[in-house]
Amino acid sequence: MNKDLRSELRTKYAINAIVMFAVITLAAISFTVG
């Protein structure tokens, strides 16, 4: 059970990091273009 919880937290953290990276990348692109 503890292992499942840990993997779930790691997945949420990975998704969160990917979303943040995408937002920052899009913001940088729009700032450069606009």
N, C-alpha and C. Protein backbone atom coordinates (compact mmCIF):
# COMPACT_ATOMS: atom_id res chain seq x y z
N MET A 1 0.83 -1.20 0.00
CA MET A 1 0.00 0.00 0.00
C MET A 1 0.87 1.25 0.00
N ASN A 2 1.91 1.21 0.83
CA ASN A 2 2.79 2.37 0.90
C ASN A 2 3.50 2.60 -0.44
N LYS A 3 3.85 1.50 -1.11
CA LYS A 3 4.53 1.60 -2.40
C LYS A 3 3.60 2.22 -3.45
N ASP A 4 2.32 1.82 -3.42
CA ASP A 4 1.36 2.39 -4.37
C ASP A 4 1.20 3.88 -4.14
N LEU A 5 1.11 4.28 -2.88
CA LEU A 5 0.94 5.69 -2.55
C LEU A 5 2.15 6.49 -3.03
N ARG A 6 3.33 5.92 -2.82
CA ARG A 6 4.55 6.62 -3.22
C ARG A 6 4.61 6.78 -4.74
N SER A 7 4.26 5.73 -5.48
CA SER A 7 4.29 5.81 -6.94
C SER A 7 3.25 6.81 -7.44
N GLU A 8 2.10 6.88 -6.74
CA GLU A 8 1.06 7.83 -7.15
C GLU A 8 1.56 9.26 -6.94
N LEU A 9 2.22 9.49 -5.81
CA LEU A 9 2.76 10.83 -5.54
C LEU A 9 3.82 11.18 -6.59
N ARG A 10 4.66 10.19 -6.94
CA ARG A 10 5.70 10.44 -7.93
C ARG A 10 5.07 10.77 -9.28
N THR A 11 3.99 10.07 -9.64
CA THR A 11 3.32 10.34 -10.92
C THR A 11 2.72 11.74 -10.92
N LYS A 12 2.07 12.11 -9.81
CA LYS A 12 1.49 13.45 -9.72
C LYS A 12 2.58 14.51 -9.83
N TYR A 13 3.73 14.26 -9.17
CA TYR A 13 4.83 15.22 -9.22
C TYR A 13 5.38 15.34 -10.63
N ALA A 14 5.49 14.21 -11.33
CA ALA A 14 5.99 14.22 -12.71
C ALA A 14 5.04 14.98 -13.62
N ILE A 15 3.73 14.72 -13.48
CA ILE A 15 2.75 15.42 -14.31
C ILE A 15 2.79 16.91 -14.01
N ASN A 16 2.90 17.26 -12.73
CA ASN A 16 2.96 18.66 -12.33
C ASN A 16 4.19 19.34 -12.95
N ALA A 17 5.33 18.66 -12.92
CA ALA A 17 6.55 19.22 -13.50
C ALA A 17 6.41 19.41 -15.00
N ILE A 18 5.79 18.44 -15.68
CA ILE A 18 5.60 18.54 -17.13
C ILE A 18 4.68 19.71 -17.47
N VAL A 19 3.60 19.85 -16.69
CA VAL A 19 2.66 20.96 -16.94
C VAL A 19 3.36 22.30 -16.72
N MET A 20 4.12 22.42 -15.65
CA MET A 20 4.84 23.67 -15.38
C MET A 20 5.83 23.97 -16.51
N PHE A 21 6.54 22.94 -16.98
CA PHE A 21 7.50 23.12 -18.06
C PHE A 21 6.79 23.59 -19.33
N ALA A 22 5.62 23.00 -19.62
CA ALA A 22 4.86 23.38 -20.81
C ALA A 22 4.39 24.83 -20.70
N VAL A 23 3.89 25.21 -19.52
CA VAL A 23 3.41 26.59 -19.32
C VAL A 23 4.55 27.58 -19.49
N ILE A 24 5.70 27.28 -18.89
CA ILE A 24 6.85 28.19 -18.99
C ILE A 24 7.33 28.28 -20.44
N THR A 25 7.36 27.14 -21.13
CA THR A 25 7.79 27.14 -22.53
C THR A 25 6.85 27.96 -23.40
N LEU A 26 5.54 27.77 -23.22
CA LEU A 26 4.56 28.53 -24.01
C LEU A 26 4.67 30.02 -23.70
N ALA A 27 4.86 30.36 -22.43
CA ALA A 27 4.99 31.76 -22.05
C ALA A 27 6.23 32.37 -22.69
N ALA A 28 7.34 31.63 -22.69
CA ALA A 28 8.57 32.13 -23.29
C ALA A 28 8.40 32.32 -24.80
N ILE A 29 7.73 31.38 -25.45
CA ILE A 29 7.51 31.48 -26.90
C ILE A 29 6.62 32.67 -27.22
N SER A 30 5.52 32.83 -26.48
CA SER A 30 4.61 33.94 -26.76
C SER A 30 5.30 35.27 -26.46
N PHE A 31 6.16 35.30 -25.44
CA PHE A 31 6.89 36.53 -25.12
C PHE A 31 7.88 36.86 -26.23
N THR A 32 8.54 35.84 -26.78
CA THR A 32 9.51 36.05 -27.86
C THR A 32 8.81 36.48 -29.14
N VAL A 33 7.69 35.84 -29.45
CA VAL A 33 6.97 36.14 -30.70
C VAL A 33 6.23 37.47 -30.58
N GLY A 34 5.54 37.67 -29.47
CA GLY A 34 4.69 38.84 -29.31
C GLY A 34 5.45 40.03 -28.80
